[in-house]
């Protein structure tokens, strides 16, 4: 697992974690925003009218209403990215990361408009009578690039696990264990059975489920968030100011948080923004292809609402709750996961300004600085280091009150071998105080509000509904890709593997799952962005024709 995690980190460094990727993603959204005349602003009101059913026509081709298509797509985007993903972005990049999530969402509203319009325009009817659409169809029938369409479909199948399946149940299981003490394997088993029951019913059952659950979960989460903000009204404005003040400079070190450079905050904010709203990834067009509509542009307008609801509203709530509660800089008792653990040479303290700067640079990827990974032997007696020759870092913070245990959970005594900052013997466990990230950080923030410890329950239930509905929506995206690649007969086998993967991820390494998600997103996004850029003239003409027809009416 360690080798796999290192391989995923290497791929992420080449792709989503690389400096060029945020510019490609934001640049595409900015290009279409200017090229099409700010459609996310011009058509926002019309999108609201369409989604209220003003233009629904039941005799039109398709299987769902505009609202059901929107909620299905939203169920695919409103998931762990809104709870665990925002917390992970702040954990990595501080307040500055939230600003770049907003920027990704604003430009992503146009990207969604484009990709959904084109997908709906070139959708096809499958052999079983259902509608099949998505970027692979506009790549094949709009661009005549079968190889690109096939590459995207394969990437969609992979991403259905990396985005919609594995990280969702992983966070659900973590939240259920934290809030109710339920073992992850039990959570995974029960929800895997429920997942199978829903997805076997196809898009109609999925749409019926999500159209009821999505509004409910949004209201529940809003109540919990407002309960926290009401307890810390004096921190609300400073939290917003910190987001803007740090946007172009990076986030300064605070408490246990060791700081983040502009480049790191920018990259992680854009990356997590994409994970949250999926604008440019090409997933939502697959859901919207099922909508009853014969006018592709109108369905594209509905999609404008997704990044707004997902990121501008829900992610902002999560981010401001975390910042205003102050938990993002505090250390808590943790069982250290190997993927989050680094041991560095020398004694370092986060109470020393110079040490904080050096440690922050090291965690930001600076291998030429003063901080170096430890290699050699460490002596441990009765669960504690004998000599202060190394510092344990966990969750991007200096770990405190560290205790070493053997495979049986008893205090460890003896020699421990460390290679390049990693333990050679993974049976040795460590626990102590360090920063939190992902859903655990959001859960802690919600406990600092009006509802107290019950806030954790709100996060747990919200995460359960958010993430489970995301897994359901992504099963549909994956099976449409399988239909494109291998025909309708392949769907049943895909669904079996999808459910088994869902169960496995409930008790696997958290960081491994998130790193897989980061890679999966990018391999799906890049071919989609290429496709919509190549069809830019087609898109502009479709918009002109739509406006001309509306004027005639």
Protein backbone atom coordinates (compact mmCIF):
# COMPACT_ATOMS: atom_id res chain seq x y z
CA UNK A 1 0.00 0.00 0.00
CA UNK A 2 2.89 2.33 0.77
CA UNK A 3 4.40 1.71 -2.68
CA UNK A 4 1.01 2.29 -4.32
CA UNK A 5 0.56 5.52 -2.37
CA UNK A 6 4.01 6.74 -3.43
CA UNK A 7 3.17 5.92 -7.06
CA UNK A 8 -0.07 7.90 -6.84
CA UNK A 9 1.79 10.85 -5.31
CA UNK A 10 4.25 10.72 -8.21
CA UNK A 11 1.40 10.72 -10.76
CA UNK A 12 -0.36 13.53 -8.93
CA UNK A 13 2.86 15.52 -9.07
CA UNK A 14 2.93 15.10 -12.85
CA UNK A 15 -0.78 15.82 -13.31
CA UNK A 16 -3.14 17.54 -10.86
CA UNK A 17 -0.39 18.51 -8.45
CA UNK A 18 1.74 20.00 -11.23
CA UNK A 19 2.01 23.76 -11.58
CA UNK A 20 0.46 23.84 -15.06
CA UNK A 21 -2.82 22.05 -14.28
CA UNK A 22 -4.65 24.86 -12.41
CA UNK A 23 -3.84 27.25 -15.25
CA UNK A 24 -5.25 24.82 -17.82
CA UNK A 25 -8.46 24.35 -15.83
CA UNK A 26 -9.02 28.00 -14.92
CA UNK A 27 -7.76 29.15 -18.32
CA UNK A 28 -10.38 27.06 -20.12
CA UNK A 29 -13.14 28.46 -17.92
CA UNK A 30 -11.86 32.01 -18.37
CA UNK A 31 -11.64 31.57 -22.14
CA UNK A 32 -15.25 30.41 -22.47
CA UNK A 33 -16.46 33.04 -20.00
CA UNK A 34 -15.09 35.79 -22.26
CA UNK A 35 -15.79 33.95 -25.55
CA UNK A 36 -19.49 33.44 -24.68
CA UNK A 37 -20.00 36.77 -22.89
CA UNK A 38 -20.21 35.74 -19.21
CA UNK A 39 -23.05 33.20 -19.54
CA UNK A 40 -22.88 32.35 -15.81
CA UNK A 41 -24.11 35.89 -15.12
CA UNK A 42 -26.40 36.46 -18.13
CA UNK A 43 -28.32 33.19 -17.88
CA UNK A 44 -28.40 32.60 -14.11
CA UNK A 45 -31.98 33.84 -13.75
CA UNK A 46 -33.17 31.86 -16.75
CA UNK A 47 -31.55 28.73 -15.32
CA UNK A 48 -33.65 29.14 -12.17
CA UNK A 49 -36.83 29.43 -14.28
CA UNK A 50 -35.98 26.33 -16.30
CA UNK A 51 -35.20 24.19 -13.27
CA UNK A 52 -38.56 25.16 -11.72
CA UNK A 53 -40.19 23.25 -14.56
CA UNK A 54 -41.28 26.16 -16.76
CA UNK A 55 -39.94 24.41 -19.86
CA UNK A 56 -40.45 20.73 -18.98
CA UNK A 57 -42.02 18.77 -21.82
CA UNK A 58 -42.85 15.17 -21.01
CA UNK A 59 -43.12 14.23 -24.68
CA UNK A 60 -39.53 15.27 -25.33
CA UNK A 61 -36.87 12.53 -25.53
CA UNK A 62 -35.33 11.65 -22.20
CA UNK A 63 -36.07 9.97 -18.89
CA UNK A 64 -35.85 12.73 -16.26
CA UNK A 65 -37.03 16.30 -15.72
CA UNK A 66 -34.67 19.28 -15.64
CA UNK A 67 -34.89 19.28 -11.85
CA UNK A 68 -34.19 15.56 -11.56
CA UNK A 69 -31.20 15.87 -13.90
CA UNK A 70 -29.91 18.77 -11.81
CA UNK A 71 -30.32 16.91 -8.51
CA UNK A 72 -28.73 13.77 -9.96
CA UNK A 73 -25.75 15.81 -11.14
CA UNK A 74 -25.67 17.68 -7.81
CA UNK A 75 -25.73 14.40 -5.92
CA UNK A 76 -22.62 13.50 -7.88
CA UNK A 77 -20.87 16.75 -6.97
CA UNK A 78 -22.22 17.49 -3.48
CA UNK A 79 -20.33 14.86 -1.53
CA UNK A 80 -17.17 14.46 0.49
CA UNK A 81 -15.66 17.37 -1.44
CA UNK A 82 -18.04 19.70 0.40
CA UNK A 83 -17.27 18.29 3.83
CA UNK A 84 -13.93 16.49 3.72
CA UNK A 85 -12.54 18.12 0.57
CA UNK A 86 -12.89 21.72 1.80
CA UNK A 87 -11.34 20.73 5.13
CA UNK A 88 -8.50 19.01 3.26
CA UNK A 89 -7.89 22.14 1.14
CA UNK A 90 -7.70 24.37 4.22
CA UNK A 91 -5.52 21.79 5.97
CA UNK A 92 -3.09 21.96 3.03
CA UNK A 93 -3.27 25.60 1.97
CA UNK A 94 -4.97 27.54 4.77
CA UNK A 95 -7.60 30.24 4.14
CA UNK A 96 -6.09 31.10 0.74
CA UNK A 97 -7.19 27.74 -0.65
CA UNK A 98 -10.85 28.69 -0.16
CA UNK A 99 -10.46 31.75 -2.40
CA UNK A 100 -9.18 29.59 -5.24
CA UNK A 101 -12.05 27.15 -4.73
CA UNK A 102 -14.38 30.13 -5.32
CA UNK A 103 -12.49 31.17 -8.44
CA UNK A 104 -12.69 27.61 -9.75
CA UNK A 105 -16.45 27.58 -9.13
CA UNK A 106 -17.17 30.93 -10.81
CA UNK A 107 -15.30 30.03 -13.98
CA UNK A 108 -16.54 26.44 -13.67
CA UNK A 109 -20.13 27.64 -14.04
CA UNK A 110 -19.29 28.48 -17.66
CA UNK A 111 -17.33 25.26 -18.18
CA UNK A 112 -20.35 23.26 -16.97
CA UNK A 113 -22.62 25.23 -19.31
CA UNK A 114 -20.41 24.33 -22.28
CA UNK A 115 -19.79 20.66 -21.55
CA UNK A 116 -23.44 19.92 -20.73
CA UNK A 117 -24.73 21.73 -23.83
CA UNK A 118 -22.39 19.83 -26.14
CA UNK A 119 -23.07 16.51 -24.45
CA UNK A 120 -26.83 16.97 -24.71
CA UNK A 121 -26.52 17.97 -28.37
CA UNK A 122 -24.71 14.77 -29.34
CA UNK A 123 -26.42 12.27 -27.02
CA UNK A 124 -27.59 8.94 -28.43
CA UNK A 125 -30.23 6.37 -27.60
CA UNK A 126 -28.78 3.11 -26.26
CA UNK A 127 -29.95 -0.34 -27.38
CA UNK A 128 -32.10 -0.69 -24.25
CA UNK A 129 -33.98 2.53 -25.10
CA UNK A 130 -32.26 4.71 -22.46
CA UNK A 131 -30.47 7.95 -23.35
CA UNK A 132 -26.68 7.85 -23.30
CA UNK A 133 -24.58 10.98 -23.36
CA UNK A 134 -21.44 12.56 -22.08
CA UNK A 135 -18.21 13.95 -23.50
CA UNK A 136 -17.40 10.64 -25.23
CA UNK A 137 -20.37 11.24 -27.51
CA UNK A 138 -19.47 14.78 -28.57
CA UNK A 139 -15.88 13.60 -29.03
CA UNK A 140 -17.03 10.85 -31.36
CA UNK A 141 -19.93 12.47 -33.20
CA UNK A 142 -18.92 16.12 -32.98
CA UNK A 143 -15.17 15.76 -33.45
CA UNK A 144 -14.97 12.31 -35.08
CA UNK A 145 -12.16 11.48 -32.63
CA UNK A 146 -12.98 7.93 -31.59
CA UNK A 147 -9.65 7.48 -29.80
CA UNK A 148 -10.28 10.50 -27.58
CA UNK A 149 -13.81 9.33 -26.85
CA UNK A 150 -12.54 5.89 -25.84
CA UNK A 151 -9.81 7.42 -23.67
CA UNK A 152 -12.38 9.58 -21.90
CA UNK A 153 -14.76 6.64 -21.35
CA UNK A 154 -11.96 4.55 -19.81
CA UNK A 155 -10.99 7.51 -17.62
CA UNK A 156 -14.64 7.83 -16.54
CA UNK A 157 -14.75 4.22 -15.38
CA UNK A 158 -11.54 4.71 -13.40
CA UNK A 159 -12.75 8.03 -12.01
CA UNK A 160 -16.09 6.53 -10.99
CA UNK A 161 -14.07 4.63 -8.41
CA UNK A 162 -11.50 7.34 -7.68
CA UNK A 163 -13.99 10.22 -7.41
CA UNK A 164 -17.45 8.84 -6.73
CA UNK A 165 -16.88 5.58 -4.94
CA UNK A 166 -13.78 5.07 -2.79
CA UNK A 167 -13.37 8.49 -1.11
CA UNK A 168 -17.11 8.73 -0.43
CA UNK A 169 -17.46 5.56 1.64
CA UNK A 170 -14.05 6.12 3.23
CA UNK A 171 -15.26 9.42 4.68
CA UNK A 172 -18.67 8.02 5.62
CA UNK A 173 -17.06 5.17 7.55
CA UNK A 174 -14.66 7.55 9.30
CA UNK A 175 -17.51 9.86 10.32
CA UNK A 176 -19.70 6.98 11.54
CA UNK A 177 -16.85 5.62 13.66
CA UNK A 178 -16.08 9.07 15.09
CA UNK A 179 -19.71 9.97 15.84
CA UNK A 180 -21.25 6.62 16.81
CA UNK A 181 -18.34 4.18 17.31
CA UNK A 182 -19.50 1.97 14.41
CA UNK A 183 -16.70 -0.12 12.89
CA UNK A 184 -15.87 0.97 9.31
CA UNK A 185 -16.33 -2.54 7.93
CA UNK A 186 -19.89 -2.69 9.28
CA UNK A 187 -20.74 0.72 7.79
CA UNK A 188 -19.25 -0.37 4.48
CA UNK A 189 -21.14 -3.65 4.44
CA UNK A 190 -24.56 -2.16 5.18
CA UNK A 191 -24.21 0.71 2.72
CA UNK A 192 -22.81 -1.56 0.00
CA UNK A 193 -26.04 -3.57 0.13
CA UNK A 194 -28.15 -0.39 -0.03
CA UNK A 195 -26.02 0.91 -2.90
CA UNK A 196 -26.62 -2.27 -4.87
CA UNK A 197 -30.39 -2.03 -4.34
CA UNK A 198 -30.55 1.55 -5.66
CA UNK A 199 -28.23 1.33 -8.67
CA UNK A 200 -29.85 -1.84 -9.99
CA UNK A 201 -32.92 0.27 -10.74
CA UNK A 202 -31.09 2.44 -13.28
CA UNK A 203 -31.42 6.17 -13.86
CA UNK A 204 -35.14 6.43 -13.05
CA UNK A 205 -34.70 5.00 -9.55
CA UNK A 206 -31.48 7.01 -9.06
CA UNK A 207 -33.22 10.26 -10.13
CA UNK A 208 -36.21 9.59 -7.87
CA UNK A 209 -33.88 8.97 -4.92
CA UNK A 210 -31.62 11.99 -5.45
CA UNK A 211 -34.46 14.46 -6.11
CA UNK A 212 -35.71 13.79 -2.58
CA UNK A 213 -32.42 13.41 -0.73
CA UNK A 214 -30.43 16.36 -2.16
CA UNK A 215 -32.74 19.14 -0.87
CA UNK A 216 -33.08 17.42 2.51
CA UNK A 217 -29.35 17.05 3.06
CA UNK A 218 -28.65 20.66 2.01
CA UNK A 219 -31.14 22.03 4.58
CA UNK A 220 -29.80 19.80 7.37
CA UNK A 221 -26.21 20.85 6.69
CA UNK A 222 -27.16 24.53 6.52
CA UNK A 223 -28.79 24.38 9.97
CA UNK A 224 -25.68 22.79 11.50
CA UNK A 225 -23.34 25.35 9.89
CA UNK A 226 -25.41 28.32 11.02
CA UNK A 227 -25.34 26.88 14.55
CA UNK A 228 -21.52 27.23 14.55
CA UNK A 229 -21.44 30.68 12.97
CA UNK A 230 -23.99 31.96 15.50
CA UNK A 231 -21.61 31.00 18.32
CA UNK A 232 -18.65 32.87 16.80
CA UNK A 233 -20.10 36.03 15.20
CA UNK A 234 -16.96 38.02 16.06
CA UNK A 235 -14.83 35.66 13.94
CA UNK A 236 -17.03 35.71 10.86
CA UNK A 237 -15.67 38.85 9.18
CA UNK A 238 -12.01 38.10 10.10
CA UNK A 239 -12.40 34.65 8.52
CA UNK A 240 -13.63 36.13 5.24
CA UNK A 241 -10.87 38.75 5.33
CA UNK A 242 -8.24 36.04 5.88
CA UNK A 243 -9.42 34.30 2.70
CA UNK A 244 -8.90 37.42 0.61
CA UNK A 245 -5.78 38.69 2.39
CA UNK A 246 -3.97 35.39 1.84
CA UNK A 247 -5.22 34.73 -1.70
CA UNK A 248 -2.17 36.09 -3.53
CA UNK A 249 0.45 35.72 -0.81
CA UNK A 250 -0.19 32.28 0.65
CA UNK A 251 -1.37 31.47 4.17
CA UNK A 252 0.85 32.38 7.11
CA UNK A 253 1.69 29.92 9.89
CA UNK A 254 -0.81 29.88 12.77
CA UNK A 255 -0.84 27.56 15.76
CA UNK A 256 -0.04 24.05 14.60
CA UNK A 257 -0.54 25.04 10.93
CA UNK A 258 2.93 25.53 9.44
CA UNK A 259 1.93 27.85 6.61
CA UNK A 260 1.55 27.42 2.86
CA UNK A 261 3.06 29.28 -0.08
CA UNK A 262 0.91 31.00 -2.70
CA UNK A 263 1.72 28.30 -5.26
CA UNK A 264 0.74 25.51 -2.87
CA UNK A 265 -2.50 27.19 -1.73
CA UNK A 266 -3.42 28.05 -5.32
CA UNK A 267 -2.77 24.54 -6.60
CA UNK A 268 -4.58 22.76 -3.78
CA UNK A 269 -7.50 25.18 -3.84
CA UNK A 270 -8.08 24.67 -7.56
CA UNK A 271 -7.58 20.92 -7.25
CA UNK A 272 -10.05 20.60 -4.36
CA UNK A 273 -12.44 22.97 -6.12
CA UNK A 274 -12.48 20.63 -9.09
CA UNK A 275 -13.01 17.63 -6.82
CA UNK A 276 -15.95 19.41 -5.23
CA UNK A 277 -17.86 20.83 -8.22
CA UNK A 278 -16.38 18.68 -11.03
CA UNK A 279 -16.63 21.57 -13.52
CA UNK A 280 -14.54 20.51 -16.48
CA UNK A 281 -14.32 16.90 -15.41
CA UNK A 282 -17.10 15.84 -17.77
CA UNK A 283 -19.18 13.92 -15.24
CA UNK A 284 -22.31 16.10 -14.99
CA UNK A 285 -22.99 15.99 -18.76
CA UNK A 286 -23.65 12.26 -18.40
CA UNK A 287 -26.48 12.93 -15.93
CA UNK A 288 -27.92 15.83 -17.92
CA UNK A 289 -28.06 13.71 -21.07
CA UNK A 290 -31.06 11.90 -19.57
CA UNK A 291 -33.13 15.10 -19.24
CA UNK A 292 -36.34 15.52 -21.24
CA UNK A 293 -35.35 18.41 -23.50
CA UNK A 294 -34.77 18.92 -27.21
CA UNK A 295 -32.85 22.17 -26.72
CA UNK A 296 -29.27 21.45 -25.55
CA UNK A 297 -28.52 25.05 -24.55
CA UNK A 298 -31.39 25.18 -22.08
CA UNK A 299 -30.03 22.09 -20.33
CA UNK A 300 -26.60 23.70 -20.31
CA UNK A 301 -28.12 26.68 -18.51
CA UNK A 302 -29.45 24.39 -15.79
CA UNK A 303 -25.90 23.14 -15.24
CA UNK A 304 -24.74 26.69 -14.44
CA UNK A 305 -26.44 26.32 -11.05
CA UNK A 306 -24.34 23.31 -9.99
CA UNK A 307 -20.97 24.94 -9.14
CA UNK A 308 -22.85 27.83 -7.53
CA UNK A 309 -24.82 25.58 -5.18
CA UNK A 310 -21.98 23.16 -4.62
CA UNK A 311 -19.04 25.51 -4.04
CA UNK A 312 -20.21 29.10 -3.67
CA UNK A 313 -22.88 28.06 -1.15
CA UNK A 314 -22.12 24.71 0.51
CA UNK A 315 -18.30 24.73 0.37
CA UNK A 316 -18.23 28.32 1.63
CA UNK A 317 -20.34 27.30 4.62
CA UNK A 318 -17.94 24.49 5.44
CA UNK A 319 -14.84 26.66 4.95
CA UNK A 320 -16.05 29.59 7.05
CA UNK A 321 -17.23 27.25 9.82
CA UNK A 322 -13.75 25.66 9.95
CA UNK A 323 -11.96 29.03 9.92
CA UNK A 324 -14.23 30.76 12.43
CA UNK A 325 -14.14 27.83 14.86
CA UNK A 326 -10.32 27.90 14.86
CA UNK A 327 -9.97 24.11 14.80
CA UNK A 328 -7.81 24.14 11.68
CA UNK A 329 -4.81 25.35 13.75
CA UNK A 330 -5.38 23.09 16.79
CA UNK A 331 -3.89 19.67 17.51
CA UNK A 332 -5.97 16.69 18.61
CA UNK A 333 -5.30 13.12 19.69
CA UNK A 334 -4.75 11.01 16.59
CA UNK A 335 -3.80 7.51 15.57
CA UNK A 336 -1.06 8.19 13.01
CA UNK A 337 -1.61 6.80 9.51
CA UNK A 338 1.61 5.82 7.73
CA UNK A 339 0.77 7.89 4.64
CA UNK A 340 0.54 11.04 6.80
CA UNK A 341 3.69 10.29 8.80
CA UNK A 342 7.21 11.68 8.22
CA UNK A 343 10.19 11.55 10.56
CA UNK A 344 12.80 14.27 10.04
CA UNK A 345 16.32 14.60 11.35
CA UNK A 346 16.94 16.93 14.29
CA UNK A 347 14.80 18.59 16.91
CA UNK A 348 12.26 21.03 15.46
CA UNK A 349 9.52 23.06 17.15
CA UNK A 350 6.47 24.84 15.77
CA UNK A 351 6.87 27.38 18.58
CA UNK A 352 10.03 28.72 16.91
CA UNK A 353 9.39 31.07 13.97
CA UNK A 354 12.52 30.00 12.08
CA UNK A 355 11.69 26.31 12.58
CA UNK A 356 8.12 26.88 11.37
CA UNK A 357 9.37 28.47 8.17
CA UNK A 358 11.81 25.59 7.51
CA UNK A 359 9.21 22.92 8.26
CA UNK A 360 6.61 24.70 6.11
CA UNK A 361 9.03 24.80 3.18
CA UNK A 362 9.78 21.08 3.62
CA UNK A 363 6.10 20.14 3.66
CA UNK A 364 5.57 22.34 0.59
CA UNK A 365 8.04 20.20 -1.35
CA UNK A 366 11.33 22.04 -0.78
CA UNK A 367 13.92 19.24 -0.56
CA UNK A 368 16.88 21.62 -0.61
CA UNK A 369 16.08 23.30 2.71
CA UNK A 370 17.37 22.70 6.22
CA UNK A 371 14.82 19.98 7.06
CA UNK A 372 15.81 16.49 5.89
CA UNK A 373 14.06 13.12 6.17
CA UNK A 374 15.58 10.90 8.87
CA UNK A 375 17.41 7.73 7.90
CA UNK A 376 18.87 5.37 10.46
CA UNK A 377 18.07 3.76 13.80
CA UNK A 378 15.95 5.26 16.56
CA UNK A 379 15.88 3.94 20.12
CA UNK A 380 12.49 3.74 21.82
CA UNK A 381 11.92 2.86 25.48
CA UNK A 382 8.50 2.23 27.00
CA UNK A 383 6.75 3.95 24.09
CA UNK A 384 8.91 7.08 23.89
CA UNK A 385 12.03 8.20 22.00
CA UNK A 386 15.18 7.86 24.12
CA UNK A 387 17.19 10.60 22.40
CA UNK A 388 15.83 13.79 20.86
CA UNK A 389 17.55 13.27 17.48
CA UNK A 390 14.44 13.22 15.32
CA UNK A 391 11.07 14.95 15.05
CA UNK A 392 7.83 13.20 14.16
CA UNK A 393 5.60 15.03 11.72
CA UNK A 394 2.02 13.91 11.26
CA UNK A 395 -0.73 15.53 9.22
CA UNK A 396 1.61 18.37 8.20
CA UNK A 397 2.26 19.34 11.83
CA UNK A 398 4.81 18.69 14.56
CA UNK A 399 3.36 15.78 16.51
CA UNK A 400 3.20 16.09 20.29
CA UNK A 401 2.97 13.51 23.10
CA UNK A 402 3.94 10.76 20.66
CA UNK A 403 3.59 7.18 21.89
CA UNK A 404 5.07 4.18 20.06
CA UNK A 405 3.26 0.81 20.26
CA UNK A 406 3.90 -2.73 19.05
CA UNK A 407 1.62 -4.91 16.94
CA UNK A 408 -0.44 -5.73 20.05
CA UNK A 409 -0.93 -2.09 20.99
CA UNK A 410 1.48 -2.29 23.94
CA UNK A 411 4.23 0.33 24.59
CA UNK A 412 7.16 -0.45 22.33
CA UNK A 413 10.78 -0.75 23.46
CA UNK A 414 13.72 -1.39 21.16
CA UNK A 415 15.37 -0.17 17.98
CA UNK A 416 13.31 1.21 15.09
CA UNK A 417 14.72 1.50 11.58
CA UNK A 418 13.71 4.52 9.52
CA UNK A 419 14.43 4.99 5.79
CA UNK A 420 13.95 8.40 4.15
CA UNK A 421 11.57 9.48 6.89
CA UNK A 422 9.41 6.34 6.77
CA UNK A 423 9.19 3.43 9.21
CA UNK A 424 10.58 0.16 7.87
CA UNK A 425 8.38 -1.90 10.20
CA UNK A 426 4.76 -0.89 9.61
CA UNK A 427 3.54 -3.08 12.48
CA UNK A 428 4.79 -0.36 14.84
CA UNK A 429 2.04 2.13 15.58
CA UNK A 430 2.22 5.74 16.68
CA UNK A 431 -0.37 8.00 18.24
CA UNK A 432 -0.29 11.47 19.71
CA UNK A 433 -1.51 15.00 19.08
CA UNK A 434 -1.48 16.53 15.59
CA UNK A 435 -3.67 18.50 13.19
CA UNK A 436 -6.87 17.04 11.77
CA UNK A 437 -7.92 17.00 8.14
CA UNK A 438 -10.77 15.84 5.90
CA UNK A 439 -14.12 14.97 7.49
CA UNK A 440 -12.64 14.73 11.00
CA UNK A 441 -11.69 18.43 10.86
CA UNK A 442 -15.18 19.47 9.74
CA UNK A 443 -16.74 17.30 12.43
CA UNK A 444 -14.62 18.98 15.11
CA UNK A 445 -15.59 22.43 13.78
CA UNK A 446 -19.32 21.64 13.92
CA UNK A 447 -18.93 20.54 17.56
CA UNK A 448 -17.89 24.13 18.45
CA UNK A 449 -21.34 25.54 17.72
CA UNK A 450 -24.80 25.91 19.20
CA UNK A 451 -25.50 22.17 18.97
CA UNK A 452 -22.28 21.17 20.78
CA UNK A 453 -21.35 17.51 20.38
CA UNK A 454 -24.56 16.98 18.42
CA UNK A 455 -22.82 18.94 15.66
CA UNK A 456 -20.71 15.85 15.00
CA UNK A 457 -23.92 13.92 14.43
CA UNK A 458 -25.08 16.53 11.90
CA UNK A 459 -21.80 16.17 10.02
CA UNK A 460 -21.98 12.39 10.17
CA UNK A 461 -25.55 12.29 8.85
CA UNK A 462 -24.84 15.02 6.29
CA UNK A 463 -21.76 13.17 5.12
CA UNK A 464 -23.71 9.94 4.94
CA UNK A 465 -26.39 11.52 2.71
CA UNK A 466 -23.95 13.62 0.65
CA UNK A 467 -21.44 10.88 0.01
CA UNK A 468 -23.90 8.03 -0.47
CA UNK A 469 -25.85 9.98 -3.08
CA UNK A 470 -22.55 10.82 -4.81
CA UNK A 471 -21.63 7.15 -5.01
CA UNK A 472 -25.04 6.43 -6.52
CA UNK A 473 -24.71 9.15 -9.17
CA UNK A 474 -21.19 8.07 -10.11
CA UNK A 475 -22.31 4.48 -10.59
CA UNK A 476 -24.52 5.83 -13.37
CA UNK A 477 -21.64 7.77 -14.91
CA UNK A 478 -19.52 4.64 -14.90
CA UNK A 479 -22.18 2.40 -16.39
CA UNK A 480 -22.84 4.92 -19.23
CA UNK A 481 -19.12 4.77 -20.00
CA UNK A 482 -19.28 0.97 -19.99
CA UNK A 483 -22.25 1.12 -22.38
CA UNK A 484 -20.18 3.26 -24.74
CA UNK A 485 -17.15 0.95 -24.54
CA UNK A 486 -18.65 -2.52 -24.37
CA UNK A 487 -22.43 -2.28 -24.76
CA UNK A 488 -25.31 -2.63 -22.29
CA UNK A 489 -24.37 -6.20 -21.33
CA UNK A 490 -21.23 -5.02 -19.54
CA UNK A 491 -23.12 -2.90 -17.02
CA UNK A 492 -24.02 -5.72 -14.63
CA UNK A 493 -20.36 -6.72 -14.22
CA UNK A 494 -19.32 -3.13 -13.67
CA UNK A 495 -21.95 -2.69 -10.95
CA UNK A 496 -20.72 -5.78 -9.09
CA UNK A 497 -17.13 -4.49 -9.04
CA UNK A 498 -18.37 -1.01 -8.10
CA UNK A 499 -20.21 -2.33 -5.03
CA UNK A 500 -17.23 -4.49 -3.96
CA UNK A 501 -14.87 -1.51 -4.30
CA UNK A 502 -17.28 0.56 -2.21
CA UNK A 503 -17.08 -2.00 0.59
CA UNK A 504 -13.27 -2.30 0.45
CA UNK A 505 -12.66 1.45 0.66
CA UNK A 506 -14.63 1.71 3.90
CA UNK A 507 -11.66 0.36 5.85
CA UNK A 508 -8.67 1.30 3.66
CA UNK A 509 -6.03 4.02 4.19
CA UNK A 510 -7.60 7.51 4.00
CA UNK A 511 -4.65 9.26 2.34
CA UNK A 512 -4.33 6.45 -0.25
CA UNK A 513 -7.96 6.95 -1.25
CA UNK A 514 -7.61 10.74 -1.53
CA UNK A 515 -4.45 10.44 -3.63
CA UNK A 516 -6.21 8.04 -5.99
CA UNK A 517 -9.06 10.54 -6.27
CA UNK A 518 -6.66 13.36 -7.16
CA UNK A 519 -5.15 11.35 -10.02
CA UNK A 520 -8.48 9.99 -11.29
CA UNK A 521 -9.98 13.47 -11.59
CA UNK A 522 -7.20 14.74 -13.83
CA UNK A 523 -7.09 11.82 -16.27
CA UNK A 524 -10.80 12.44 -16.90
CA UNK A 525 -10.60 16.23 -17.00
CA UNK A 526 -7.81 16.73 -19.54
CA UNK A 527 -9.46 14.96 -22.51
CA UNK A 528 -12.77 16.68 -21.71
CA UNK A 529 -11.18 20.15 -21.72
CA UNK A 530 -9.47 19.36 -25.02
CA UNK A 531 -12.80 18.26 -26.50
CA UNK A 532 -14.77 21.37 -25.54
CA UNK A 533 -11.97 23.67 -26.72
CA UNK A 534 -11.95 21.98 -30.12
CA UNK A 535 -15.76 22.42 -30.32
CA UNK A 536 -15.72 26.08 -29.26
CA UNK A 537 -17.18 27.31 -32.59
CA UNK A 538 -19.89 24.64 -32.44
CA UNK A 539 -20.78 25.83 -28.94
CA UNK A 540 -20.92 29.47 -29.91
CA UNK A 541 -23.14 28.74 -32.90
CA UNK A 542 -25.48 26.64 -30.74
CA UNK A 543 -25.84 29.55 -28.34
CA UNK A 544 -26.49 32.02 -31.19
CA UNK A 545 -29.17 29.74 -32.65
CA UNK A 546 -30.83 29.34 -29.25
CA UNK A 547 -30.95 33.11 -28.64
CA UNK A 548 -32.30 33.70 -32.17
CA UNK A 549 -35.06 31.14 -31.64
CA UNK A 550 -35.98 32.67 -28.29
CA UNK A 551 -36.29 36.11 -29.90
CA UNK A 552 -38.68 34.67 -32.52
CA UNK A 553 -40.88 33.27 -29.76
